[in-house]
Amino acid sequence: YCDLVASGEQSGALDAIFDRIAIYREKAEALKS
């Protein structure tokens, strides 16, 4: 999570990175459920 946010800081695209993380987390939680 933190590495992805750091890459978003470097690229200046935090909104896109948080969107990718959100998709990843939602998929992971759905799979776990």
PDB file of all heavy atoms in Angstrom:
ATOM      1  N   TYR A   1       0.843  -1.203   0.000  1.00  0.00           N
ATOM      2  CA  TYR A   1       0.000   0.000   0.000  1.00  0.00           C
ATOM      3  C   TYR A   1       0.880   1.256   0.000  1.00  0.00           C
ATOM      4  O   TYR A   1       0.688   2.167  -0.823  1.00  0.00           O
ATOM      5  CB  TYR A   1      -0.903  -0.034   1.231  1.00  0.00           C
ATOM      6  CG  TYR A   1      -2.082   0.907   1.198  1.00  0.00           C
ATOM      7  CD1 TYR A   1      -3.373   0.422   1.079  1.00  0.00           C
ATOM      8  CD2 TYR A   1      -1.909   2.284   1.315  1.00  0.00           C
ATOM      9  CE1 TYR A   1      -4.474   1.278   1.075  1.00  0.00           C
ATOM     10  CE2 TYR A   1      -2.984   3.147   1.298  1.00  0.00           C
ATOM     11  CZ  TYR A   1      -4.263   2.641   1.175  1.00  0.00           C
ATOM     12  OH  TYR A   1      -5.350   3.496   1.152  1.00  0.00           O
ATOM     13  N   CYS A   2       1.855   1.295   0.909  1.00  0.00           N
ATOM     14  CA  CYS A   2       2.702   2.486   1.039  1.00  0.00           C
ATOM     15  C   CYS A   2       3.603   2.676  -0.180  1.00  0.00           C
ATOM     16  O   CYS A   2       3.843   3.816  -0.610  1.00  0.00           O
ATOM     17  CB  CYS A   2       3.527   2.398   2.316  1.00  0.00           C
ATOM     18  SG  CYS A   2       2.531   2.328   3.830  1.00  0.00           S
ATOM     19  N   ASP A   3       4.108   1.565  -0.731  1.00  0.00           N
ATOM     20  CA  ASP A   3       4.948   1.673  -1.930  1.00  0.00           C
ATOM     21  C   ASP A   3       4.159   2.232  -3.111  1.00  0.00           C
ATOM     22  O   ASP A   3       4.679   3.042  -3.897  1.00  0.00           O
ATOM     23  CB  ASP A   3       5.524   0.300  -2.291  1.00  0.00           C
ATOM     24  CG  ASP A   3       6.585  -0.155  -1.295  1.00  0.00           C
ATOM     25  OD1 ASP A   3       7.095   0.704  -0.551  1.00  0.00           O
ATOM     26  OD2 ASP A   3       6.881  -1.362  -1.260  1.00  0.00           O
ATOM     27  N   LEU A   4       2.920   1.801  -3.250  1.00  0.00           N
ATOM     28  CA  LEU A   4       2.087   2.312  -4.336  1.00  0.00           C
ATOM     29  C   LEU A   4       1.797   3.801  -4.158  1.00  0.00           C
ATOM     30  O   LEU A   4       1.828   4.574  -5.129  1.00  0.00           O
ATOM     31  CB  LEU A   4       0.775   1.523  -4.411  1.00  0.00           C
ATOM     32  CG  LEU A   4       0.885   0.067  -4.874  1.00  0.00           C
ATOM     33  CD1 LEU A   4      -0.447  -0.644  -4.733  1.00  0.00           C
ATOM     34  CD2 LEU A   4       1.359  -0.004  -6.318  1.00  0.00           C
ATOM     35  N   VAL A   5       1.528   4.215  -2.909  1.00  0.00           N
ATOM     36  CA  VAL A   5       1.299   5.640  -2.646  1.00  0.00           C
ATOM     37  C   VAL A   5       2.568   6.441  -2.943  1.00  0.00           C
ATOM     38  O   VAL A   5       2.503   7.541  -3.517  1.00  0.00           O
ATOM     39  CB  VAL A   5       0.836   5.850  -1.193  1.00  0.00           C
ATOM     40  CG1 VAL A   5       0.763   7.346  -0.859  1.00  0.00           C
ATOM     41  CG2 VAL A   5      -0.526   5.209  -0.965  1.00  0.00           C
ATOM     42  N   ALA A   6       3.736   5.890  -2.588  1.00  0.00           N
ATOM     43  CA  ALA A   6       5.000   6.570  -2.875  1.00  0.00           C
ATOM     44  C   ALA A   6       5.223   6.727  -4.372  1.00  0.00           C
ATOM     45  O   ALA A   6       5.691   7.777  -4.844  1.00  0.00           O
ATOM     46  CB  ALA A   6       6.159   5.798  -2.246  1.00  0.00           C
ATOM     47  N   SER A   7       4.859   5.704  -5.153  1.00  0.00           N
ATOM     48  CA  SER A   7       4.987   5.822  -6.612  1.00  0.00           C
ATOM     49  C   SER A   7       4.030   6.878  -7.156  1.00  0.00           C
ATOM     50  O   SER A   7       4.358   7.594  -8.107  1.00  0.00           O
ATOM     51  CB  SER A   7       4.717   4.468  -7.270  1.00  0.00           C
ATOM     52  OG  SER A   7       3.349   4.105  -7.143  1.00  0.00           O
ATOM     53  N   GLY A   8       2.851   6.997  -6.548  1.00  0.00           N
ATOM     54  CA  GLY A   8       1.917   8.043  -6.957  1.00  0.00           C
ATOM     55  C   GLY A   8       2.434   9.434  -6.633  1.00  0.00           C
ATOM     56  O   GLY A   8       2.205  10.386  -7.387  1.00  0.00           O
ATOM     57  N   GLU A   9       3.144   9.570  -5.513  1.00  0.00           N
ATOM     58  CA  GLU A   9       3.745  10.855  -5.163  1.00  0.00           C
ATOM     59  C   GLU A   9       4.806  11.249  -6.194  1.00  0.00           C
ATOM     60  O   GLU A   9       4.878  12.410  -6.603  1.00  0.00           O
ATOM     61  CB  GLU A   9       4.381  10.761  -3.773  1.00  0.00           C
ATOM     62  CG  GLU A   9       3.387  10.567  -2.640  1.00  0.00           C
ATOM     63  CD  GLU A   9       4.070  10.204  -1.335  1.00  0.00           C
ATOM     64  OE1 GLU A   9       5.321  10.060  -1.337  1.00  0.00           O
ATOM     65  OE2 GLU A   9       3.364  10.057  -0.338  1.00  0.00           O
ATOM     66  N   GLN A  10       5.611  10.282  -6.610  1.00  0.00           N
ATOM     67  CA  GLN A  10       6.672  10.581  -7.568  1.00  0.00           C
ATOM     68  C   GLN A  10       6.127  10.923  -8.949  1.00  0.00           C
ATOM     69  O   GLN A  10       6.659  11.784  -9.642  1.00  0.00           O
ATOM     70  CB  GLN A  10       7.624   9.384  -7.664  1.00  0.00           C
ATOM     71  CG  GLN A  10       8.383   9.111  -6.379  1.00  0.00           C
ATOM     72  CD  GLN A  10       9.175   7.827  -6.436  1.00  0.00           C
ATOM     73  OE1 GLN A  10       9.212   7.155  -7.464  1.00  0.00           O
ATOM     74  NE2 GLN A  10       9.799   7.455  -5.321  1.00  0.00           N
ATOM     75  N   SER A  11       5.039  10.246  -9.345  1.00  0.00           N
ATOM     76  CA  SER A  11       4.468  10.486 -10.673  1.00  0.00           C
ATOM     77  C   SER A  11       3.469  11.632 -10.688  1.00  0.00           C
ATOM     78  O   SER A  11       3.051  12.076 -11.761  1.00  0.00           O
ATOM     79  CB  SER A  11       3.791   9.210 -11.187  1.00  0.00           C
ATOM     80  OG  SER A  11       2.709   8.845 -10.340  1.00  0.00           O
ATOM     81  N   GLY A  12       3.041  12.081  -9.497  1.00  0.00           N
ATOM     82  CA  GLY A  12       2.054  13.159  -9.430  1.00  0.00           C
ATOM     83  C   GLY A  12       0.650  12.722  -9.780  1.00  0.00           C
ATOM     84  O   GLY A  12      -0.177  13.542 -10.176  1.00  0.00           O
ATOM     85  N   ALA A  13       0.377  11.433  -9.627  1.00  0.00           N
ATOM     86  CA  ALA A  13      -0.953  10.895  -9.975  1.00  0.00           C
ATOM     87  C   ALA A  13      -1.517  10.126  -8.789  1.00  0.00           C
ATOM     88  O   ALA A  13      -1.831   8.933  -8.891  1.00  0.00           O
ATOM     89  CB  ALA A  13      -0.857  10.011 -11.210  1.00  0.00           C
ATOM     90  N   LEU A  14      -1.652  10.808  -7.662  1.00  0.00           N
ATOM     91  CA  LEU A  14      -2.164  10.144  -6.460  1.00  0.00           C
ATOM     92  C   LEU A  14      -3.593   9.645  -6.651  1.00  0.00           C
ATOM     93  O   LEU A  14      -3.973   8.599  -6.123  1.00  0.00           O
ATOM     94  CB  LEU A  14      -2.104  11.104  -5.266  1.00  0.00           C
ATOM     95  CG  LEU A  14      -0.851  11.060  -4.384  1.00  0.00           C
ATOM     96  CD1 LEU A  14      -0.973  12.057  -3.256  1.00  0.00           C
ATOM     97  CD2 LEU A  14      -0.617   9.664  -3.840  1.00  0.00           C
ATOM     98  N   ASP A  15      -4.411  10.416  -7.396  1.00  0.00           N
ATOM     99  CA  ASP A  15      -5.801  10.003  -7.591  1.00  0.00           C
ATOM    100  C   ASP A  15      -5.881   8.671  -8.332  1.00  0.00           C
ATOM    101  O   ASP A  15      -6.647   7.775  -7.948  1.00  0.00           O
ATOM    102  CB  ASP A  15      -6.584  11.082  -8.341  1.00  0.00           C
ATOM    103  CG  ASP A  15      -5.897  11.494  -9.639  1.00  0.00           C
ATOM    104  OD1 ASP A  15      -4.714  11.143  -9.831  1.00  0.00           O
ATOM    105  OD2 ASP A  15      -6.550  12.164 -10.464  1.00  0.00           O
ATOM    106  N   ALA A  16      -5.064   8.503  -9.380  1.00  0.00           N
ATOM    107  CA  ALA A  16      -5.068   7.244 -10.138  1.00  0.00           C
ATOM    108  C   ALA A  16      -4.528   6.096  -9.301  1.00  0.00           C
ATOM    109  O   ALA A  16      -5.046   4.975  -9.369  1.00  0.00           O
ATOM    110  CB  ALA A  16      -4.246   7.398 -11.418  1.00  0.00           C
ATOM    111  N   ILE A  17      -3.505   6.378  -8.493  1.00  0.00           N
ATOM    112  CA  ILE A  17      -2.919   5.321  -7.660  1.00  0.00           C
ATOM    113  C   ILE A  17      -3.912   4.868  -6.599  1.00  0.00           C
ATOM    114  O   ILE A  17      -4.087   3.663  -6.362  1.00  0.00           O
ATOM    115  CB  ILE A  17      -1.612   5.819  -7.005  1.00  0.00           C
ATOM    116  CG1 ILE A  17      -0.525   5.962  -8.067  1.00  0.00           C
ATOM    117  CG2 ILE A  17      -1.162   4.868  -5.912  1.00  0.00           C
ATOM    118  CD1 ILE A  17      -0.144   4.659  -8.743  1.00  0.00           C
ATOM    119  N   PHE A  18      -4.575   5.813  -5.941  1.00  0.00           N
ATOM    120  CA  PHE A  18      -5.563   5.439  -4.924  1.00  0.00           C
ATOM    121  C   PHE A  18      -6.723   4.676  -5.558  1.00  0.00           C
ATOM    122  O   PHE A  18      -7.300   3.781  -4.931  1.00  0.00           O
ATOM    123  CB  PHE A  18      -6.074   6.679  -4.181  1.00  0.00           C
ATOM    124  CG  PHE A  18      -5.259   7.028  -2.964  1.00  0.00           C
ATOM    125  CD1 PHE A  18      -4.385   8.104  -2.984  1.00  0.00           C
ATOM    126  CD2 PHE A  18      -5.356   6.281  -1.813  1.00  0.00           C
ATOM    127  CE1 PHE A  18      -3.626   8.427  -1.865  1.00  0.00           C
ATOM    128  CE2 PHE A  18      -4.612   6.589  -0.693  1.00  0.00           C
ATOM    129  CZ  PHE A  18      -3.733   7.667  -0.725  1.00  0.00           C
ATOM    130  N   ASP A  19      -7.068   5.018  -6.782  1.00  0.00           N
ATOM    131  CA  ASP A  19      -8.119   4.273  -7.480  1.00  0.00           C
ATOM    132  C   ASP A  19      -7.672   2.834  -7.733  1.00  0.00           C
ATOM    133  O   ASP A  19      -8.451   1.889  -7.544  1.00  0.00           O
ATOM    134  CB  ASP A  19      -8.453   4.963  -8.802  1.00  0.00           C
ATOM    135  CG  ASP A  19      -9.607   4.278  -9.523  1.00  0.00           C
ATOM    136  OD1 ASP A  19     -10.717   4.242  -8.966  1.00  0.00           O
ATOM    137  OD2 ASP A  19      -9.375   3.761 -10.639  1.00  0.00           O
ATOM    138  N   ARG A  20      -6.418   2.631  -8.143  1.00  0.00           N
ATOM    139  CA  ARG A  20      -5.892   1.275  -8.356  1.00  0.00           C
ATOM    140  C   ARG A  20      -5.849   0.489  -7.050  1.00  0.00           C
ATOM    141  O   ARG A  20      -6.205  -0.696  -7.001  1.00  0.00           O
ATOM    142  CB  ARG A  20      -4.486   1.348  -8.972  1.00  0.00           C
ATOM    143  CG  ARG A  20      -4.465   1.777 -10.429  1.00  0.00           C
ATOM    144  CD  ARG A  20      -3.063   1.673 -11.005  1.00  0.00           C
ATOM    145  NE  ARG A  20      -3.022   2.088 -12.386  1.00  0.00           N
ATOM    146  CZ  ARG A  20      -3.337   1.321 -13.418  1.00  0.00           C
ATOM    147  NH1 ARG A  20      -3.714   0.060 -13.193  1.00  0.00           N
ATOM    148  NH2 ARG A  20      -3.269   1.780 -14.646  1.00  0.00           N
ATOM    149  N   ILE A  21      -5.401   1.162  -5.981  1.00  0.00           N
ATOM    150  CA  ILE A  21      -5.350   0.486  -4.677  1.00  0.00           C
ATOM    151  C   ILE A  21      -6.758   0.104  -4.226  1.00  0.00           C
ATOM    152  O   ILE A  21      -6.980  -0.985  -3.674  1.00  0.00           O
ATOM    153  CB  ILE A  21      -4.671   1.380  -3.629  1.00  0.00           C
ATOM    154  CG1 ILE A  21      -3.232   1.695  -4.029  1.00  0.00           C
ATOM    155  CG2 ILE A  21      -4.678   0.703  -2.269  1.00  0.00           C
ATOM    156  CD1 ILE A  21      -2.549   2.698  -3.125  1.00  0.00           C
ATOM    157  N   ALA A  22      -7.724   1.000  -4.462  1.00  0.00           N
ATOM    158  CA  ALA A  22      -9.104   0.713  -4.066  1.00  0.00           C
ATOM    159  C   ALA A  22      -9.647  -0.501  -4.815  1.00  0.00           C
ATOM    160  O   ALA A  22     -10.281  -1.387  -4.210  1.00  0.00           O
ATOM    161  CB  ALA A  22      -9.987   1.939  -4.326  1.00  0.00           C
ATOM    162  N   ILE A  23      -9.388  -0.561  -6.115  1.00  0.00           N
ATOM    163  CA  ILE A  23      -9.830  -1.722  -6.899  1.00  0.00           C
ATOM    164  C   ILE A  23      -9.184  -2.997  -6.375  1.00  0.00           C
ATOM    165  O   ILE A  23      -9.847  -4.028  -6.193  1.00  0.00           O
ATOM    166  CB  ILE A  23      -9.503  -1.516  -8.393  1.00  0.00           C
ATOM    167  CG1 ILE A  23     -10.332  -0.362  -8.966  1.00  0.00           C
ATOM    168  CG2 ILE A  23      -9.756  -2.795  -9.188  1.00  0.00           C
ATOM    169  CD1 ILE A  23      -9.944   0.037 -10.370  1.00  0.00           C
ATOM    170  N   TYR A  24      -7.883  -2.920  -6.098  1.00  0.00           N
ATOM    171  CA  TYR A  24      -7.150  -4.088  -5.606  1.00  0.00           C
ATOM    172  C   TYR A  24      -7.702  -4.549  -4.259  1.00  0.00           C
ATOM    173  O   TYR A  24      -7.956  -5.746  -4.039  1.00  0.00           O
ATOM    174  CB  TYR A  24      -5.666  -3.732  -5.485  1.00  0.00           C
ATOM    175  CG  TYR A  24      -4.860  -4.738  -4.714  1.00  0.00           C
ATOM    176  CD1 TYR A  24      -4.570  -5.990  -5.258  1.00  0.00           C
ATOM    177  CD2 TYR A  24      -4.381  -4.447  -3.437  1.00  0.00           C
ATOM    178  CE1 TYR A  24      -3.833  -6.912  -4.545  1.00  0.00           C
ATOM    179  CE2 TYR A  24      -3.644  -5.363  -2.730  1.00  0.00           C
ATOM    180  CZ  TYR A  24      -3.370  -6.596  -3.281  1.00  0.00           C
ATOM    181  OH  TYR A  24      -2.645  -7.504  -2.565  1.00  0.00           O
ATOM    182  N   ARG A  25      -7.919  -3.606  -3.337  1.00  0.00           N
ATOM    183  CA  ARG A  25      -8.425  -3.956  -2.007  1.00  0.00           C
ATOM    184  C   ARG A  25      -9.849  -4.499  -2.081  1.00  0.00           C
ATOM    185  O   ARG A  25     -10.195  -5.456  -1.373  1.00  0.00           O
ATOM    186  CB  ARG A  25      -8.383  -2.726  -1.094  1.00  0.00           C
ATOM    187  CG  ARG A  25      -7.007  -2.367  -0.555  1.00  0.00           C
ATOM    188  CD  ARG A  25      -6.526  -3.457   0.374  1.00  0.00           C
ATOM    189  NE  ARG A  25      -5.264  -3.132   0.997  1.00  0.00           N
ATOM    190  CZ  ARG A  25      -5.076  -3.006   2.310  1.00  0.00           C
ATOM    191  NH1 ARG A  25      -6.072  -3.168   3.138  1.00  0.00           N
ATOM    192  NH2 ARG A  25      -3.877  -2.762   2.789  1.00  0.00           N
ATOM    193  N   GLU A  26     -10.689  -3.896  -2.909  1.00  0.00           N
ATOM    194  CA  GLU A  26     -12.067  -4.372  -3.042  1.00  0.00           C
ATOM    195  C   GLU A  26     -12.107  -5.785  -3.597  1.00  0.00           C
ATOM    196  O   GLU A  26     -12.873  -6.636  -3.120  1.00  0.00           O
ATOM    197  CB  GLU A  26     -12.852  -3.415  -3.933  1.00  0.00           C
ATOM    198  CG  GLU A  26     -13.145  -2.072  -3.284  1.00  0.00           C
ATOM    199  CD  GLU A  26     -13.549  -1.002  -4.280  1.00  0.00           C
ATOM    200  OE1 GLU A  26     -13.519  -1.284  -5.505  1.00  0.00           O
ATOM    201  OE2 GLU A  26     -13.881   0.118  -3.846  1.00  0.00           O
ATOM    202  N   LYS A  27     -11.287  -6.052  -4.607  1.00  0.00           N
ATOM    203  CA  LYS A  27     -11.228  -7.408  -5.179  1.00  0.00           C
ATOM    204  C   LYS A  27     -10.718  -8.404  -4.136  1.00  0.00           C
ATOM    205  O   LYS A  27     -11.239  -9.522  -4.024  1.00  0.00           O
ATOM    206  CB  LYS A  27     -10.312  -7.415  -6.403  1.00  0.00           C
ATOM    207  CG  LYS A  27     -10.794  -6.569  -7.573  1.00  0.00           C
ATOM    208  CD  LYS A  27     -11.839  -7.276  -8.375  1.00  0.00           C
ATOM    209  CE  LYS A  27     -12.182  -6.501  -9.643  1.00  0.00           C
ATOM    210  NZ  LYS A  27     -13.249  -7.159 -10.423  1.00  0.00           N
ATOM    211  N   ALA A  28      -9.680  -8.006  -3.389  1.00  0.00           N
ATOM    212  CA  ALA A  28      -9.111  -8.907  -2.385  1.00  0.00           C
ATOM    213  C   ALA A  28     -10.112  -9.221  -1.283  1.00  0.00           C
ATOM    214  O   ALA A  28     -10.243 -10.383  -0.860  1.00  0.00           O
ATOM    215  CB  ALA A  28      -7.842  -8.280  -1.789  1.00  0.00           C
ATOM    216  N   GLU A  29     -10.848  -8.215  -0.814  1.00  0.00           N
ATOM    217  CA  GLU A  29     -11.826  -8.445   0.246  1.00  0.00           C
ATOM    218  C   GLU A  29     -13.004  -9.276  -0.255  1.00  0.00           C
ATOM    219  O   GLU A  29     -13.531 -10.116   0.483  1.00  0.00           O
ATOM    220  CB  GLU A  29     -12.326  -7.105   0.800  1.00  0.00           C
ATOM    221  CG  GLU A  29     -11.290  -6.343   1.606  1.00  0.00           C
ATOM    222  CD  GLU A  29     -10.742  -7.149   2.759  1.00  0.00           C
ATOM    223  OE1 GLU A  29     -11.545  -7.769   3.487  1.00  0.00           O
ATOM    224  OE2 GLU A  29      -9.512  -7.180   2.917  1.00  0.00           O
ATOM    225  N   ALA A  30     -13.414  -9.052  -1.508  1.00  0.00           N
ATOM    226  CA  ALA A  30     -14.495  -9.865  -2.073  1.00  0.00           C
ATOM    227  C   ALA A  30     -14.073 -11.323  -2.178  1.00  0.00           C
ATOM    228  O   ALA A  30     -14.851 -12.243  -1.869  1.00  0.00           O
ATOM    229  CB  ALA A  30     -14.887  -9.322  -3.443  1.00  0.00           C
ATOM    230  N   LEU A  31     -12.835 -11.549  -2.588  1.00  0.00           N
ATOM    231  CA  LEU A  31     -12.319 -12.913  -2.703  1.00  0.00           C
ATOM    232  C   LEU A  31     -12.236 -13.575  -1.329  1.00  0.00           C
ATOM    233  O   LEU A  31     -12.621 -14.739  -1.153  1.00  0.00           O
ATOM    234  CB  LEU A  31     -10.938 -12.874  -3.355  1.00  0.00           C
ATOM    235  CG  LEU A  31     -10.337 -14.195  -3.822  1.00  0.00           C
ATOM    236  CD1 LEU A  31     -11.210 -14.826  -4.896  1.00  0.00           C
ATOM    237  CD2 LEU A  31      -8.932 -13.978  -4.363  1.00  0.00           C
ATOM    238  N   LYS A  32     -11.756 -12.830  -0.335  1.00  0.00           N
ATOM    239  CA  LYS A  32     -11.658 -13.362   1.021  1.00  0.00           C
ATOM    240  C   LYS A  32     -13.036 -13.717   1.569  1.00  0.00           C
ATOM    241  O   LYS A  32     -13.221 -14.756   2.224  1.00  0.00           O
ATOM    242  CB  LYS A  32     -10.985 -12.327   1.925  1.00  0.00           C
ATOM    243  CG  LYS A  32     -10.610 -12.852   3.300  1.00  0.00           C
ATOM    244  CD  LYS A  32     -10.145 -11.731   4.195  1.00  0.00           C
ATOM    245  CE  LYS A  32      -8.922 -11.023   3.641  1.00  0.00           C
ATOM    246  NZ  LYS A  32      -8.442  -9.962   4.568  1.00  0.00           N
ATOM    247  N   SER A  33     -14.024 -12.869   1.297  1.00  0.00           N
ATOM    248  CA  SER A  33     -15.385 -13.113   1.765  1.00  0.00           C
ATOM    249  C   SER A  33     -15.966 -14.383   1.144  1.00  0.00           C
ATOM    250  O   SER A  33     -16.642 -15.167   1.825  1.00  0.00           O
ATOM    251  CB  SER A  33     -16.266 -11.904   1.431  1.00  0.00           C
ATOM    252  OG  SER A  33     -17.606 -12.154   1.765  1.00  0.00           O
TER     253      SER A  33
END
